C-alpha atoms as a PDB file:
ATOM      1  CA  MET A   1       0.001   0.015  -0.018  1.00  0.00           C
ATOM      2  CA  PRO A   2       1.445   3.466  -0.945  1.00  0.00           C
ATOM      3  CA  THR A   3       2.419   5.685   1.811  1.00  0.00           C
ATOM      4  CA  PRO A   4      -0.388   8.202   2.337  1.00  0.00           C
ATOM      5  CA  PHE A   5       0.175  11.931   1.888  1.00  0.00           C
ATOM      6  CA  ALA A   6      -1.742  14.880   3.356  1.00  0.00           C
ATOM      7  CA  VAL A   7      -1.988  18.184   1.389  1.00  0.00           C
ATOM      8  CA  LEU A   8      -2.400  21.012   3.971  1.00  0.00           C
ATOM      9  CA  PRO A   9      -2.070  24.831   4.073  1.00  0.00           C
ATOM     10  CA  ALA A  10       1.568  25.710   4.766  1.00  0.00           C
ATOM     11  CA  LEU A  11       2.422  27.385   7.986  1.00  0.00           C
ATOM     12  CA  ILE A  12       4.994  30.018   8.719  1.00  0.00           C
ATOM     13  CA  PRO A  13       7.581  27.369  10.095  1.00  0.00           C
ATOM     14  CA  ASP A  14       7.095  25.490   6.828  1.00  0.00           C
ATOM     15  CA  ILE A  15       8.706  28.186   4.647  1.00  0.00           C
ATOM     16  CA  LYS A  16      12.083  26.666   4.554  1.00  0.00           C
ATOM     17  CA  PRO A  17      11.139  22.893   4.076  1.00  0.00           C
ATOM     18  CA  VAL A  18       8.405  23.861   1.504  1.00  0.00           C
ATOM     19  CA  TYR A  19      11.018  25.694  -0.546  1.00  0.00           C
ATOM     20  CA  ASP A  20      13.623  23.030   0.008  1.00  0.00           C
ATOM     21  CA  ALA A  21      11.212  20.849  -2.044  1.00  0.00           C
ATOM     22  CA  TYR A  22      10.610  23.638  -4.584  1.00  0.00           C
ATOM     23  CA  PHE A  23      14.276  24.338  -5.293  1.00  0.00           C
ATOM     24  CA  ALA A  24      15.160  20.623  -5.376  1.00  0.00           C
ATOM     25  CA  ALA A  25      12.356  19.852  -7.873  1.00  0.00           C
ATOM     26  CA  PHE A  26      13.092  22.814 -10.283  1.00  0.00           C
ATOM     27  CA  THR A  27      16.822  22.214 -10.153  1.00  0.00           C
ATOM     28  CA  ALA A  28      16.304  18.542 -11.163  1.00  0.00           C
ATOM     29  CA  ASP A  29      14.063  19.632 -14.064  1.00  0.00           C
ATOM     30  CA  ALA A  30      15.943  21.029 -17.237  1.00  0.00           C
ATOM     31  CA  ASP A  31      13.305  23.636 -17.916  1.00  0.00           C
ATOM     32  CA  GLY A  32      12.831  24.538 -14.238  1.00  0.00           C
ATOM     33  CA  ARG A  33      16.561  24.969 -13.727  1.00  0.00           C
ATOM     34  CA  LYS A  34      16.704  27.478 -16.493  1.00  0.00           C
ATOM     35  CA  ILE A  35      14.006  29.505 -14.851  1.00  0.00           C
ATOM     36  CA  LEU A  36      15.786  29.473 -11.548  1.00  0.00           C
ATOM     37  CA  GLU A  37      18.970  30.600 -13.086  1.00  0.00           C
ATOM     38  CA  ILE A  38      17.209  33.484 -14.845  1.00  0.00           C
ATOM     39  CA  LEU A  39      15.254  34.483 -11.637  1.00  0.00           C
ATOM     40  CA  PHE A  40      18.208  34.110  -9.359  1.00  0.00           C
ATOM     41  CA  PRO A  41      21.335  34.708 -11.527  1.00  0.00           C
ATOM     42  CA  GLY A  42      23.484  35.147  -8.396  1.00  0.00           C
ATOM     43  CA  GLY A  43      22.855  31.635  -7.316  1.00  0.00           C
ATOM     44  CA  TYR A  44      20.146  29.965  -5.145  1.00  0.00           C
ATOM     45  CA  THR A  45      21.826  27.260  -3.113  1.00  0.00           C
ATOM     46  CA  SER A  46      23.912  29.168  -0.556  1.00  0.00           C
ATOM     47  CA  GLU A  47      22.802  29.426   3.070  1.00  0.00           C
ATOM     48  CA  GLU A  48      22.899  33.202   2.709  1.00  0.00           C
ATOM     49  CA  PHE A  49      20.468  33.195  -0.229  1.00  0.00           C
ATOM     50  CA  ARG A  50      18.084  30.704   1.432  1.00  0.00           C
ATOM     51  CA  LYS A  51      17.991  32.807   4.608  1.00  0.00           C
ATOM     52  CA  ALA A  52      17.238  35.938   2.652  1.00  0.00           C
ATOM     53  CA  HIS A  53      14.653  34.068   0.522  1.00  0.00           C
ATOM     54  CA  THR A  54      12.931  32.703   3.666  1.00  0.00           C
ATOM     55  CA  GLU A  55      12.826  36.254   5.239  1.00  0.00           C
ATOM     56  CA  GLY A  56      11.570  37.760   1.964  1.00  0.00           C
ATOM     57  CA  THR A  57       8.757  35.166   1.720  1.00  0.00           C
ATOM     58  CA  LEU A  58       7.726  35.777   5.335  1.00  0.00           C
ATOM     59  CA  ALA A  59       7.488  39.452   4.696  1.00  0.00           C
ATOM     60  CA  TRP A  60       5.419  38.720   1.586  1.00  0.00           C
ATOM     61  CA  LEU A  61       2.951  36.526   3.454  1.00  0.00           C
ATOM     62  CA  HIS A  62       2.187  39.374   5.797  1.00  0.00           C
ATOM     63  CA  LYS A  63       0.697  41.527   2.897  1.00  0.00           C
ATOM     64  CA  ALA A  64      -0.384  38.860   0.324  1.00  0.00           C
ATOM     65  CA  GLU A  65      -4.214  39.093  -0.253  1.00  0.00           C
ATOM     66  CA  SER A  66      -4.829  36.222  -2.744  1.00  0.00           C
ATOM     67  CA  GLN A  67      -1.876  33.921  -2.681  1.00  0.00           C
ATOM     68  CA  TYR A  68      -1.766  30.617  -0.862  1.00  0.00           C
ATOM     69  CA  THR A  69       0.912  28.092  -0.268  1.00  0.00           C
ATOM     70  CA  TRP A  70       0.204  24.197   0.165  1.00  0.00           C
ATOM     71  CA  LYS A  71       2.459  21.537   1.652  1.00  0.00           C
ATOM     72  CA  CYS A  72       2.388  17.827   0.863  1.00  0.00           C
ATOM     73  CA  VAL A  73       3.353  15.919   3.911  1.00  0.00           C
ATOM     74  CA  ASP A  74       4.416  12.193   4.163  1.00  0.00           C
ATOM     75  CA  VAL A  75       2.016  11.058   6.812  1.00  0.00           C
ATOM     76  CA  ALA A  76       4.436   8.176   7.976  1.00  0.00           C
ATOM     77  CA  THR A  77       7.304  10.572   8.669  1.00  0.00           C
ATOM     78  CA  GLY A  78       5.886  14.133   8.858  1.00  0.00           C
ATOM     79  CA  GLU A  79       8.331  15.197   6.174  1.00  0.00           C
ATOM     80  CA  ILE A  80       7.322  17.905   3.683  1.00  0.00           C
ATOM     81  CA  VAL A  81       7.887  16.270   0.319  1.00  0.00           C
ATOM     82  CA  GLY A  82       6.143  18.797  -2.008  1.00  0.00           C
ATOM     83  CA  MET A  83       4.435  22.045  -2.322  1.00  0.00           C
ATOM     84  CA  ALA A  84       2.121  24.171  -4.438  1.00  0.00           C
ATOM     85  CA  LEU A  85       1.803  27.954  -4.768  1.00  0.00           C
ATOM     86  CA  CYS A  86      -1.287  29.498  -6.170  1.00  0.00           C
ATOM     87  CA  ASP A  87      -3.384  32.665  -6.360  1.00  0.00           C
ATOM     88  CA  VAL A  88      -7.049  32.386  -5.860  1.00  0.00           C
ATOM     89  CA  PHE A  89      -8.531  35.490  -7.727  1.00  0.00           C
ATOM     90  CA  ILE A  90     -12.085  35.862  -6.407  1.00  0.00           C
ATOM     91  CA  LYS A  91     -12.492  39.647  -6.400  1.00  0.00           C
ATOM     92  CA  PRO A  92     -12.456  41.491  -9.727  1.00  0.00           C
ATOM     93  CA  ARG A  93      -9.154  43.120 -10.464  1.00  0.00           C
ATOM     94  CA  THR A  94      -8.359  46.155 -12.559  1.00  0.00           C
ATOM     95  CA  LYS A  95      -6.204  46.013 -15.706  1.00  0.00           C
ATOM     96  CA  GLU A  96      -3.457  47.694 -13.681  1.00  0.00           C
ATOM     97  CA  GLU A  97      -3.710  45.139 -10.938  1.00  0.00           C
ATOM     98  CA  ARG A  98      -3.417  42.365 -13.622  1.00  0.00           C
ATOM     99  CA  ALA A  99      -0.374  43.993 -15.345  1.00  0.00           C
ATOM    100  CA  TYR A 100       3.024  42.217 -15.353  1.00  0.00           C
ATOM    101  CA  PRO A 101       4.707  43.334 -12.123  1.00  0.00           C
ATOM    102  CA  GLY A 102       8.335  42.800 -13.163  1.00  0.00           C
ATOM    103  CA  ILE A 103      11.143  41.276 -11.089  1.00  0.00           C
ATOM    104  CA  PRO A 104      12.014  43.923  -8.393  1.00  0.00           C
ATOM    105  CA  TRP A 105      15.115  42.246  -7.160  1.00  0.00           C
ATOM    106  CA  LEU A 106      16.855  42.226 -10.658  1.00  0.00           C
ATOM    107  CA  GLU A 107      18.352  45.144 -12.531  1.00  0.00           C
ATOM    108  CA  GLY A 108      19.745  45.932 -16.005  1.00  0.00           C
ATOM    109  CA  GLU A 109      20.356  43.038 -18.375  1.00  0.00           C
ATOM    110  CA  GLN A 110      19.386  40.385 -15.805  1.00  0.00           C
ATOM    111  CA  ARG A 111      15.916  42.139 -15.416  1.00  0.00           C
ATOM    112  CA  GLU A 112      15.543  42.460 -19.123  1.00  0.00           C
ATOM    113  CA  ARG A 113      16.157  38.747 -19.666  1.00  0.00           C
ATOM    114  CA  ALA A 114      13.688  37.794 -16.839  1.00  0.00           C
ATOM    115  CA  ASP A 115      11.113  40.112 -18.425  1.00  0.00           C
ATOM    116  CA  GLN A 116      11.524  38.349 -21.825  1.00  0.00           C
ATOM    117  CA  VAL A 117      10.526  35.124 -20.178  1.00  0.00           C
ATOM    118  CA  LEU A 118       7.861  36.184 -17.687  1.00  0.00           C
ATOM    119  CA  ALA A 119       6.074  39.057 -19.519  1.00  0.00           C
ATOM    120  CA  PRO A 120       4.822  36.767 -22.363  1.00  0.00           C
ATOM    121  CA  LEU A 121       3.477  34.406 -19.716  1.00  0.00           C
ATOM    122  CA  CYS A 122       1.475  37.169 -18.081  1.00  0.00           C
ATOM    123  CA  GLU A 123       0.207  38.423 -21.411  1.00  0.00           C
ATOM    124  CA  ALA A 124      -0.942  34.948 -22.417  1.00  0.00           C
ATOM    125  CA  ARG A 125      -2.793  34.494 -19.185  1.00  0.00           C
ATOM    126  CA  GLU A 126      -4.449  37.844 -19.558  1.00  0.00           C
ATOM    127  CA  LYS A 127      -5.687  36.804 -23.013  1.00  0.00           C
ATOM    128  CA  VAL A 128      -7.087  33.591 -21.715  1.00  0.00           C
ATOM    129  CA  MET A 129      -8.465  34.555 -18.281  1.00  0.00           C
ATOM    130  CA  GLY A 130      -8.700  38.309 -18.453  1.00  0.00           C
ATOM    131  CA  ASP A 131     -10.584  39.888 -15.431  1.00  0.00           C
ATOM    132  CA  GLY A 132     -12.340  36.665 -14.505  1.00  0.00           C
ATOM    133  CA  SER A 133     -12.227  34.749 -11.194  1.00  0.00           C
ATOM    134  CA  TYR A 134      -9.919  31.778 -11.344  1.00  0.00           C
ATOM    135  CA  ILE A 135      -7.021  29.713  -9.533  1.00  0.00           C
ATOM    136  CA  TYR A 136      -3.727  30.633 -10.909  1.00  0.00           C
ATOM    137  CA  VAL A 137      -1.058  27.888 -10.055  1.00  0.00           C
ATOM    138  CA  HIS A 138       2.444  29.337  -9.937  1.00  0.00           C
ATOM    139  CA  ALA A 139       4.204  26.197  -9.075  1.00  0.00           C
ATOM    140  CA  ILE A 140       3.638  22.535  -8.095  1.00  0.00           C
ATOM    141  CA  ALA A 141       6.876  20.744  -7.033  1.00  0.00           C
ATOM    142  CA  VAL A 142       7.858  17.508  -5.498  1.00  0.00           C
ATOM    143  CA  ASP A 143      11.339  16.780  -4.070  1.00  0.00           C
ATOM    144  CA  PRO A 144      12.978  14.366  -6.555  1.00  0.00           C
ATOM    145  CA  LYS A 145      13.699  11.956  -3.664  1.00  0.00           C
ATOM    146  CA  HIS A 146       9.930  11.459  -3.340  1.00  0.00           C
ATOM    147  CA  GLN A 147       8.846  11.571  -6.924  1.00  0.00           C
ATOM    148  CA  GLY A 148       6.979   8.559  -8.421  1.00  0.00           C
ATOM    149  CA  ARG A 149       5.025   8.015  -5.230  1.00  0.00           C
ATOM    150  CA  GLY A 150       1.900   9.864  -6.186  1.00  0.00           C
ATOM    151  CA  ALA A 151       2.641  13.123  -4.146  1.00  0.00           C
ATOM    152  CA  GLY A 152       2.367  15.327  -7.364  1.00  0.00           C
ATOM    153  CA  ALA A 153      -0.976  13.744  -8.205  1.00  0.00           C
ATOM    154  CA  MET A 154      -2.150  14.237  -4.677  1.00  0.00           C
ATOM    155  CA  ILE A 155      -1.363  17.897  -4.744  1.00  0.00           C
ATOM    156  CA  VAL A 156      -3.099  18.449  -8.205  1.00  0.00           C
ATOM    157  CA  LYS A 157      -6.216  16.649  -6.745  1.00  0.00           C
ATOM    158  CA  GLN A 158      -6.326  19.004  -3.769  1.00  0.00           C
ATOM    159  CA  LEU A 159      -6.325  21.960  -6.234  1.00  0.00           C
ATOM    160  CA  ILE A 160      -8.929  20.304  -8.404  1.00  0.00           C
ATOM    161  CA  ASN A 161     -11.115  19.868  -5.263  1.00  0.00           C
ATOM    162  CA  LEU A 162     -10.614  23.557  -4.520  1.00  0.00           C
ATOM    163  CA  SER A 163     -11.653  24.331  -8.066  1.00  0.00           C
ATOM    164  CA  ASN A 164     -14.795  22.144  -7.961  1.00  0.00           C
ATOM    165  CA  ASP A 165     -15.830  23.483  -4.542  1.00  0.00           C
ATOM    166  CA  SER A 166     -15.370  27.143  -5.526  1.00  0.00           C
ATOM    167  CA  ASN A 167     -16.543  26.735  -9.024  1.00  0.00           C
ATOM    168  CA  LEU A 168     -13.334  28.483 -10.229  1.00  0.00           C
ATOM    169  CA  PRO A 169     -11.397  27.127 -13.284  1.00  0.00           C
ATOM    170  CA  ILE A 170      -7.559  26.479 -12.778  1.00  0.00           C
ATOM    171  CA  TYR A 171      -4.933  27.971 -15.134  1.00  0.00           C
ATOM    172  CA  LEU A 172      -1.273  27.032 -15.102  1.00  0.00           C
ATOM    173  CA  GLU A 173       1.867  26.989 -17.183  1.00  0.00           C
ATOM    174  CA  SER A 174       3.260  23.391 -17.355  1.00  0.00           C
ATOM    175  CA  SER A 175       6.593  22.137 -18.048  1.00  0.00           C
ATOM    176  CA  ALA A 176       7.032  19.584 -20.863  1.00  0.00           C
ATOM    177  CA  SER A 177       7.666  16.823 -18.285  1.00  0.00           C
ATOM    178  CA  ALA A 178       4.609  17.527 -16.229  1.00  0.00           C
ATOM    179  CA  GLU A 179       2.027  17.953 -19.115  1.00  0.00           C
ATOM    180  CA  GLY A 180       1.131  14.276 -19.268  1.00  0.00           C
ATOM    181  CA  LEU A 181       0.100  14.245 -15.559  1.00  0.00           C
ATOM    182  CA  TYR A 182      -2.063  17.351 -15.989  1.00  0.00           C
ATOM    183  CA  LYS A 183      -3.745  15.868 -19.094  1.00  0.00           C
ATOM    184  CA  LYS A 184      -4.425  12.615 -17.113  1.00  0.00           C
ATOM    185  CA  MET A 185      -6.143  14.673 -14.400  1.00  0.00           C
ATOM    186  CA  GLY A 186      -8.444  16.474 -16.810  1.00  0.00           C
ATOM    187  CA  PHE A 187      -6.486  19.582 -17.902  1.00  0.00           C
ATOM    188  CA  VAL A 188      -6.509  20.554 -21.478  1.00  0.00           C
ATOM    189  CA  ARG A 189      -4.039  22.610 -23.477  1.00  0.00           C
ATOM    190  CA  VAL A 190      -5.112  26.212 -24.351  1.00  0.00           C
ATOM    191  CA  PRO A 191      -5.647  26.380 -28.199  1.00  0.00           C
ATOM    192  CA  GLU A 192      -2.879  28.105 -30.048  1.00  0.00           C
ATOM    193  CA  GLU A 193      -5.276  30.620 -31.545  1.00  0.00           C
ATOM    194  CA  SER A 194      -6.246  31.782 -27.963  1.00  0.00           C
ATOM    195  CA  ALA A 195      -2.624  32.052 -26.643  1.00  0.00           C
ATOM    196  CA  ARG A 196       0.844  30.662 -27.180  1.00  0.00           C
ATOM    197  CA  VAL A 197       4.195  31.333 -25.573  1.00  0.00           C
ATOM    198  CA  ILE A 198       7.528  30.122 -27.128  1.00  0.00           C
ATOM    199  CA  HIS A 199      10.670  31.171 -25.223  1.00  0.00           C
ATOM    200  CA  SER A 200      13.624  31.894 -27.606  1.00  0.00           C
ATOM    201  CA  LYS A 201      16.602  29.733 -27.217  1.00  0.00           C
ATOM    202  CA  SER A 202      18.807  32.853 -27.215  1.00  0.00           C
ATOM    203  CA  VAL A 203      17.086  33.965 -24.044  1.00  0.00           C
ATOM    204  CA  LEU A 204      16.865  30.701 -22.231  1.00  0.00           C
ATOM    205  CA  GLY A 205      20.306  29.493 -23.259  1.00  0.00           C
ATOM    206  CA  THR A 206      19.002  26.294 -24.661  1.00  0.00           C
ATOM    207  CA  GLU A 207      19.649  24.365 -27.943  1.00  0.00           C
ATOM    208  CA  THR A 208      16.105  24.972 -29.329  1.00  0.00           C
ATOM    209  CA  ASP A 209      13.247  27.222 -28.670  1.00  0.00           C
ATOM    210  CA  VAL A 210      10.829  26.011 -25.789  1.00  0.00           C
ATOM    211  CA  GLU A 211       7.072  26.087 -26.012  1.00  0.00           C
ATOM    212  CA  VAL A 212       5.290  26.384 -22.697  1.00  0.00           C
ATOM    213  CA  PRO A 213       2.100  24.182 -22.419  1.00  0.00           C
ATOM    214  CA  LEU A 214      -0.527  26.462 -21.210  1.00  0.00           C
ATOM    215  CA  MET A 215      -3.119  24.352 -19.357  1.00  0.00           C
ATOM    216  CA  ILE A 216      -6.677  24.952 -18.107  1.00  0.00           C
ATOM    217  CA  LYS A 217      -9.208  22.913 -16.302  1.00  0.00           C
ATOM    218  CA  THR A 218     -12.875  23.938 -15.770  1.00  0.00           C
ATOM    219  CA  PRO A 219     -14.588  22.970 -12.458  1.00  0.00           C
ATOM    220  CA  ALA A 220     -16.788  19.914 -12.595  1.00  0.00           C
ATOM    221  CA  LYS A 221     -20.505  20.297 -12.466  1.00  0.00           C
ATOM    222  CA  THR A 222     -21.873  18.756  -9.306  1.00  0.00           C
ATOM    223  CA  GLY A 223     -25.487  19.305 -10.080  1.00  0.00           C
ATOM    224  CA  LEU A 224     -26.040  21.086  -6.862  1.00  0.00           C
END
């Protein structure tokens, strides 16, 4: 019998272990590692960086109005093995509130490079979702040591339950490696005529251009 997991709201003491899973998962994925290198060009593995990142995340949690962090816990050990980060947009937002915010901790060419990656994602999301109410999943990550045990599917299932209970669709940008899981769980790819994002190899530093699978799932009709 597989080890059971529990997906729960993350608490303040969970910030570091939650992001231990996040950084481990994204580092192990080729596309994810490129994104980390662009967002944190000075490195993201040192104790100094992680301390500053934890403090910055704590400060953000004190003012975030729509963003939620989930942890996936191995019930047998109590270890946090995965996480999810999402915005639940319930209240209407103005066009200015929906605009691409930029990366405040970067400057110059580093910021320009990050903007070239992230701004098109924001523009695509605006085309598809606009000012509607929806759940936007920033990240789902499982520590590579625990992948293949069903933790990722458990996290996605929790978000689907939230979608069904709230009657809000889910929108996310998948990696190529995770697209199959999302499709198995009922997500569909956004039609190219609605929105499409292709990152240039010259920006990412990859051998080929990389298309981002834009995924959406509508809530199930319960008949209630």
